[in-house]
Amino acid sequence: MSAADLPSFPERFNLAHYYLDARVEEGRGDRVAVAVGDEEHTYAEIQRRATRAGDALRKRGIDLEDRVLMLLFDGVEFVECWFGILKAGGVFCMANPLLTADDMDYLLGYTRARAVVADAKTLDRLGPLMEKHPRCRVRLMVGEGACPEGWERWEDALAEADPEAENADTSRDDIAGWLFTSGTTGKPKGAVHFHRHFAFNTEVYGKGVLGLNEDDVFVSVSRLFFGYGTGTNLMFPFAVGGKIVLFPDKPTADRLIDHIERHRVTVLTNVPAMIRQMVDTERDADLSS
């Protein structure tokens, strides 16, 4: 690809439109976008929920370039929250919901997050920390269980929000997200990315090199809060109108094989250790897809 062939993007540009809204505008709204267990969610459904999420965040004061810390397992709530942050003009900061309290404390301080969207299973560690981080005044809980004082349920916030709200008027050079380093040489550090960065990578690599298309079905070993998983099992699929298969629990060889066989997965995001486990499995797996 020559320099003249490299993609460019308009000055006013929002990733949520590029990855999600544009698919509905293209007439793909009825296509399945996300499968979780026995549930399937279409592009139109994800768009409505994500738009509600963005409106809910804006109504709670989240504005351009405000960081929002996500502590969520793989599931439809992760997807709609990620798009909702972009629609609000905020900045996604994704982290492992299994982190220790000390690591959560560090990320809240490091990101100076104005909002946190967290799975209910994290609140035993996260809840006691919040007094130290008054800047993080918007606190939304995903999942079942008692909702602590000072927190709101995700579903309640979305229920009162506008499903047709406009996206924030962002620029291609506005910050869209922080991707964290692994922390092997110290505490994780946030690598800042603009809206155009992710779209550029999608156009050049996801479409140009991998040749992905709307008939592809995706599953990933890497969880969505890792940049590897976000790119290959959220951004790339949504850019082409494909289908992603999500599951919240720990990946195993048997779990992956089950999903590959059931959904006829065509694109598997893998890591060496899991490749070895899949090679060593004794079951008669059909990976022909």
Protein backbone atom coordinates (compact mmCIF):
# COMPACT_ATOMS: atom_id res chain seq x y z
CA MET A 1 0.00 0.00 0.00
CA SER A 2 1.49 3.34 -1.05
CA ALA A 3 1.27 6.53 0.99
CA ALA A 4 -1.36 7.78 -1.44
CA ASP A 5 -3.53 4.75 -0.63
CA LEU A 6 -3.43 5.20 3.15
CA PRO A 7 -6.82 5.96 4.72
CA SER A 8 -7.73 9.42 5.94
CA PHE A 9 -10.62 10.54 8.10
CA PRO A 10 -12.73 13.70 8.30
CA GLU A 11 -11.83 16.33 10.87
CA ARG A 12 -15.09 15.73 12.79
CA PHE A 13 -14.94 12.03 13.54
CA ASN A 14 -16.26 9.68 16.24
CA LEU A 15 -15.25 6.04 16.58
CA ALA A 16 -18.71 4.97 17.75
CA HIS A 17 -20.12 6.12 14.44
CA TYR A 18 -17.28 4.52 12.47
CA TYR A 19 -17.62 1.11 14.15
CA LEU A 20 -21.31 0.94 15.08
CA ASP A 21 -23.69 3.60 13.75
CA ALA A 22 -22.39 3.26 10.20
CA ARG A 23 -23.33 -0.44 10.16
CA VAL A 24 -26.94 0.42 10.96
CA GLU A 25 -26.92 3.19 8.34
CA GLU A 26 -25.68 0.60 5.82
CA GLY A 27 -28.74 -1.56 6.49
CA ARG A 28 -27.04 -4.11 8.73
CA GLY A 29 -29.12 -3.31 11.80
CA ASP A 30 -30.84 -6.72 11.85
CA ARG A 31 -27.58 -8.67 11.65
CA VAL A 32 -26.33 -10.37 14.82
CA ALA A 33 -23.47 -8.40 16.30
CA VAL A 34 -22.90 -10.13 19.64
CA ALA A 35 -23.62 -13.64 20.91
CA VAL A 36 -23.34 -14.43 24.63
CA GLY A 37 -24.49 -17.89 25.60
CA ASP A 38 -27.96 -18.40 24.13
CA GLU A 39 -28.55 -14.66 23.68
CA GLU A 40 -27.96 -12.78 20.46
CA HIS A 41 -27.91 -9.01 20.05
CA THR A 42 -28.27 -7.20 16.74
CA TYR A 43 -26.39 -4.14 15.56
CA ALA A 44 -29.53 -2.02 15.96
CA GLU A 45 -29.99 -3.25 19.54
CA ILE A 46 -26.37 -2.54 20.43
CA GLN A 47 -26.68 0.92 18.88
CA ARG A 48 -29.77 1.78 20.95
CA ARG A 49 -28.20 0.54 24.17
CA ALA A 50 -24.86 2.25 23.47
CA THR A 51 -26.64 5.51 22.67
CA ARG A 52 -28.50 5.26 25.97
CA ALA A 53 -25.19 4.60 27.72
CA GLY A 54 -23.61 7.66 26.17
CA ASP A 55 -26.59 9.83 27.08
CA ALA A 56 -26.58 8.47 30.65
CA LEU A 57 -22.91 9.36 31.05
CA ARG A 58 -23.39 12.85 29.62
CA LYS A 59 -26.37 13.53 31.89
CA ARG A 60 -24.10 12.64 34.83
CA GLY A 61 -21.52 15.17 33.76
CA ILE A 62 -19.12 13.15 31.63
CA ASP A 63 -17.76 15.45 28.95
CA LEU A 64 -15.08 15.51 26.25
CA GLU A 65 -11.91 13.63 27.22
CA ASP A 66 -13.14 12.68 30.71
CA ARG A 67 -11.71 9.28 31.56
CA VAL A 68 -14.09 6.42 32.36
CA LEU A 69 -12.62 3.35 34.05
CA MET A 70 -14.19 0.07 32.90
CA LEU A 71 -13.89 -2.99 35.17
CA LEU A 72 -16.08 -5.43 33.26
CA PHE A 73 -16.02 -9.05 32.19
CA ASP A 74 -16.61 -9.96 28.54
CA GLY A 75 -20.28 -9.52 27.73
CA VAL A 76 -22.77 -7.27 25.98
CA GLU A 77 -22.49 -4.68 28.78
CA PHE A 78 -18.80 -4.26 27.98
CA VAL A 79 -19.63 -3.59 24.33
CA GLU A 80 -22.41 -1.08 24.97
CA CYS A 81 -20.38 0.67 27.67
CA TRP A 82 -17.30 0.97 25.42
CA PHE A 83 -19.35 2.49 22.61
CA GLY A 84 -21.30 4.63 25.07
CA ILE A 85 -18.13 6.23 26.39
CA LEU A 86 -17.11 7.13 22.84
CA LYS A 87 -20.58 8.48 22.08
CA ALA A 88 -20.33 10.72 25.15
CA GLY A 89 -16.95 11.99 23.98
CA GLY A 90 -15.23 10.36 26.93
CA VAL A 91 -12.07 8.28 27.08
CA PHE A 92 -12.21 4.54 27.76
CA CYS A 93 -9.72 3.10 30.27
CA MET A 94 -10.17 -0.68 30.43
CA ALA A 95 -8.82 -2.89 33.23
CA ASN A 96 -9.09 -6.43 34.52
CA PRO A 97 -12.06 -6.83 36.89
CA LEU A 98 -10.01 -9.42 38.81
CA LEU A 99 -7.38 -6.85 39.85
CA THR A 100 -6.43 -6.48 43.49
CA ALA A 101 -7.71 -3.54 45.49
CA ASP A 102 -4.22 -1.99 45.40
CA ASP A 103 -4.15 -2.14 41.60
CA MET A 104 -7.63 -0.63 41.34
CA ASP A 105 -6.57 2.12 43.71
CA TYR A 106 -3.56 2.86 41.52
CA LEU A 107 -5.65 3.03 38.32
CA LEU A 108 -8.28 5.32 39.85
CA GLY A 109 -5.54 7.72 40.88
CA TYR A 110 -3.47 7.38 37.73
CA THR A 111 -6.35 7.91 35.29
CA ARG A 112 -8.12 10.52 37.44
CA ALA A 113 -11.28 8.87 36.19
CA ARG A 114 -14.47 10.90 36.46
CA ALA A 115 -16.59 7.73 36.21
CA VAL A 116 -16.26 4.02 36.83
CA VAL A 117 -18.43 1.26 35.36
CA ALA A 118 -17.77 -1.92 37.30
CA ASP A 119 -19.09 -5.45 37.58
CA ALA A 120 -20.86 -6.14 40.87
CA LYS A 121 -18.23 -8.79 41.65
CA THR A 122 -15.55 -6.08 41.92
CA LEU A 123 -17.26 -3.98 44.55
CA ASP A 124 -15.87 -5.91 47.52
CA ARG A 125 -12.45 -4.52 46.50
CA LEU A 126 -13.48 -1.35 44.70
CA GLY A 127 -16.18 -0.02 47.00
CA PRO A 128 -13.98 0.77 50.03
CA LEU A 129 -11.56 2.72 47.81
CA MET A 130 -14.00 5.29 46.52
CA GLU A 131 -13.73 7.67 49.48
CA LYS A 132 -10.11 8.24 48.41
CA HIS A 133 -11.21 9.22 44.90
CA PRO A 134 -13.98 11.86 45.16
CA ARG A 135 -13.16 12.99 41.62
CA CYS A 136 -14.74 9.72 40.43
CA ARG A 137 -18.28 10.84 41.23
CA VAL A 138 -20.15 8.71 38.65
CA ARG A 139 -20.33 5.09 39.80
CA LEU A 140 -22.31 2.52 37.84
CA MET A 141 -22.69 -1.14 38.79
CA VAL A 142 -23.27 -3.89 36.22
CA GLY A 143 -24.83 -7.14 37.38
CA GLU A 144 -26.91 -8.56 40.19
CA GLY A 145 -26.67 -7.94 43.90
CA ALA A 146 -27.19 -5.13 46.37
CA CYS A 147 -26.28 -1.73 45.00
CA PRO A 148 -24.11 0.12 47.57
CA GLU A 149 -24.78 3.69 48.62
CA GLY A 150 -23.36 6.14 46.12
CA TRP A 151 -23.68 3.69 43.22
CA GLU A 152 -26.31 3.34 40.51
CA ARG A 153 -27.41 0.28 38.62
CA TRP A 154 -26.34 0.24 34.97
CA GLU A 155 -29.78 -0.86 33.82
CA ASP A 156 -31.51 1.92 35.74
CA ALA A 157 -29.21 4.54 34.22
CA LEU A 158 -29.88 3.25 30.71
CA ALA A 159 -33.64 2.96 31.25
CA GLU A 160 -34.02 6.71 31.77
CA ALA A 161 -31.63 7.72 28.95
CA ASP A 162 -32.40 8.77 25.37
CA PRO A 163 -31.94 5.98 22.75
CA GLU A 164 -31.72 8.59 19.97
CA ALA A 165 -29.26 11.06 21.52
CA GLU A 166 -26.61 12.55 19.24
CA ASN A 167 -22.96 11.53 19.49
CA ALA A 168 -20.54 14.03 20.96
CA ASP A 169 -18.96 16.28 18.34
CA THR A 170 -15.46 14.83 18.53
CA SER A 171 -12.44 15.38 16.34
CA ARG A 172 -10.30 12.68 14.74
CA ASP A 173 -7.50 13.99 17.00
CA ASP A 174 -9.49 13.85 20.23
CA ILE A 175 -8.41 11.19 22.69
CA ALA A 176 -10.54 8.04 22.47
CA GLY A 177 -8.83 5.64 24.85
CA TRP A 178 -5.91 4.72 27.05
CA LEU A 179 -4.39 1.26 26.49
CA PHE A 180 -2.31 0.07 29.43
CA THR A 181 1.12 -1.51 29.32
CA SER A 182 1.55 -4.89 31.01
CA GLY A 183 3.32 -3.47 34.07
CA THR A 184 6.26 -5.90 33.84
CA THR A 185 8.76 -3.08 34.56
CA GLY A 186 6.66 -1.19 37.07
CA LYS A 187 3.09 -0.01 37.32
CA PRO A 188 1.04 -0.07 34.09
CA LYS A 189 1.22 3.10 32.04
CA GLY A 190 -1.49 4.46 29.79
CA ALA A 191 -0.72 4.79 26.07
CA VAL A 192 -2.97 7.53 24.70
CA HIS A 193 -4.74 6.97 21.37
CA PHE A 194 -6.82 9.31 19.20
CA HIS A 195 -10.08 8.39 17.46
CA ARG A 196 -8.30 8.13 14.11
CA HIS A 197 -5.61 5.77 15.41
CA PHE A 198 -7.93 2.80 15.88
CA ALA A 199 -9.77 3.44 12.62
CA PHE A 200 -6.46 3.65 10.73
CA ASN A 201 -5.31 0.30 12.11
CA THR A 202 -8.67 -1.25 11.26
CA GLU A 203 -8.60 -0.04 7.66
CA VAL A 204 -4.95 -0.95 7.01
CA TYR A 205 -4.63 -4.21 8.93
CA GLY A 206 -8.09 -5.57 9.73
CA LYS A 207 -9.51 -4.95 6.26
CA GLY A 208 -6.42 -4.52 4.11
CA VAL A 209 -4.23 -7.35 5.43
CA LEU A 210 -6.62 -9.81 7.06
CA GLY A 211 -9.43 -9.23 4.57
CA LEU A 212 -12.16 -9.52 7.20
CA ASN A 213 -15.80 -9.29 6.10
CA GLU A 214 -19.38 -9.48 7.36
CA ASP A 215 -19.51 -13.27 7.10
CA ASP A 216 -16.75 -13.67 9.68
CA VAL A 217 -17.49 -14.93 13.19
CA PHE A 218 -14.98 -14.01 15.90
CA VAL A 219 -13.94 -15.40 19.27
CA SER A 220 -10.96 -14.51 21.46
CA VAL A 221 -8.76 -15.98 24.15
CA SER A 222 -7.62 -12.48 25.10
CA ARG A 223 -10.28 -10.70 27.14
CA LEU A 224 -11.81 -7.48 25.83
CA PHE A 225 -10.07 -5.24 28.38
CA PHE A 226 -6.74 -6.11 26.71
CA GLY A 227 -5.99 -4.01 23.63
CA TYR A 228 -5.34 -7.24 21.70
CA GLY A 229 -8.85 -8.47 22.45
CA THR A 230 -10.49 -5.07 21.98
CA GLY A 231 -8.96 -4.69 18.53
CA THR A 232 -9.48 -8.16 17.14
CA ASN A 233 -12.73 -9.14 18.89
CA LEU A 234 -14.58 -5.82 19.02
CA MET A 235 -13.19 -3.17 16.69
CA PHE A 236 -12.37 -5.33 13.66
CA PRO A 237 -15.65 -7.31 13.73
CA PHE A 238 -17.86 -4.24 14.12
CA ALA A 239 -16.01 -2.44 11.32
CA VAL A 240 -17.05 -5.12 8.81
CA GLY A 241 -20.46 -6.10 10.22
CA GLY A 242 -19.33 -9.46 11.59
CA LYS A 243 -20.44 -11.39 14.67
CA ILE A 244 -18.51 -11.68 17.93
CA VAL A 245 -18.88 -14.52 20.42
CA LEU A 246 -18.31 -13.51 24.05
CA PHE A 247 -18.13 -15.42 27.32
CA PRO A 248 -17.31 -13.97 30.76
CA ASP A 249 -15.49 -16.92 32.32
CA LYS A 250 -11.86 -17.98 31.98
CA PRO A 251 -10.91 -19.31 28.52
CA THR A 252 -10.07 -23.01 28.31
CA ALA A 253 -9.33 -25.23 25.34
CA ASP A 254 -12.66 -27.01 25.73
CA ARG A 255 -14.56 -23.73 26.06
CA LEU A 256 -12.99 -22.34 22.89
CA ILE A 257 -13.59 -25.53 20.92
CA ASP A 258 -17.22 -25.56 22.03
CA HIS A 259 -17.73 -22.01 20.74
CA ILE A 260 -15.84 -22.63 17.51
CA GLU A 261 -17.97 -25.69 16.73
CA ARG A 262 -21.29 -24.13 17.80
CA HIS A 263 -20.90 -20.78 16.07
CA ARG A 264 -18.69 -21.91 13.16
CA VAL A 265 -16.06 -19.36 14.15
CA THR A 266 -13.82 -18.16 11.31
CA VAL A 267 -11.44 -15.88 13.24
CA LEU A 268 -9.77 -16.96 16.50
CA THR A 269 -7.63 -14.52 18.49
CA ASN A 270 -5.20 -16.79 20.28
CA VAL A 271 -2.04 -16.86 22.41
CA PRO A 272 0.78 -19.45 22.39
CA ALA A 273 -0.11 -21.14 25.69
CA MET A 274 -3.70 -21.74 24.56
CA ILE A 275 -2.58 -22.93 21.13
CA ARG A 276 -0.55 -25.59 22.94
CA GLN A 277 -3.53 -26.59 25.08
CA MET A 278 -5.74 -26.88 22.02
CA VAL A 279 -3.13 -28.98 20.20
CA ASP A 280 -2.84 -31.28 23.23
CA THR A 281 -6.57 -31.78 23.70
CA GLU A 282 -7.71 -35.36 23.22
CA ARG A 283 -11.20 -34.54 22.08
CA ASP A 284 -12.19 -34.94 18.42
CA ALA A 285 -12.64 -31.25 17.67
CA ASP A 286 -14.11 -29.88 14.47
CA LEU A 287 -12.10 -26.73 13.77
CA SER A 288 -12.74 -26.76 10.04
CA SER A 289 -14.47 -23.36 10.14
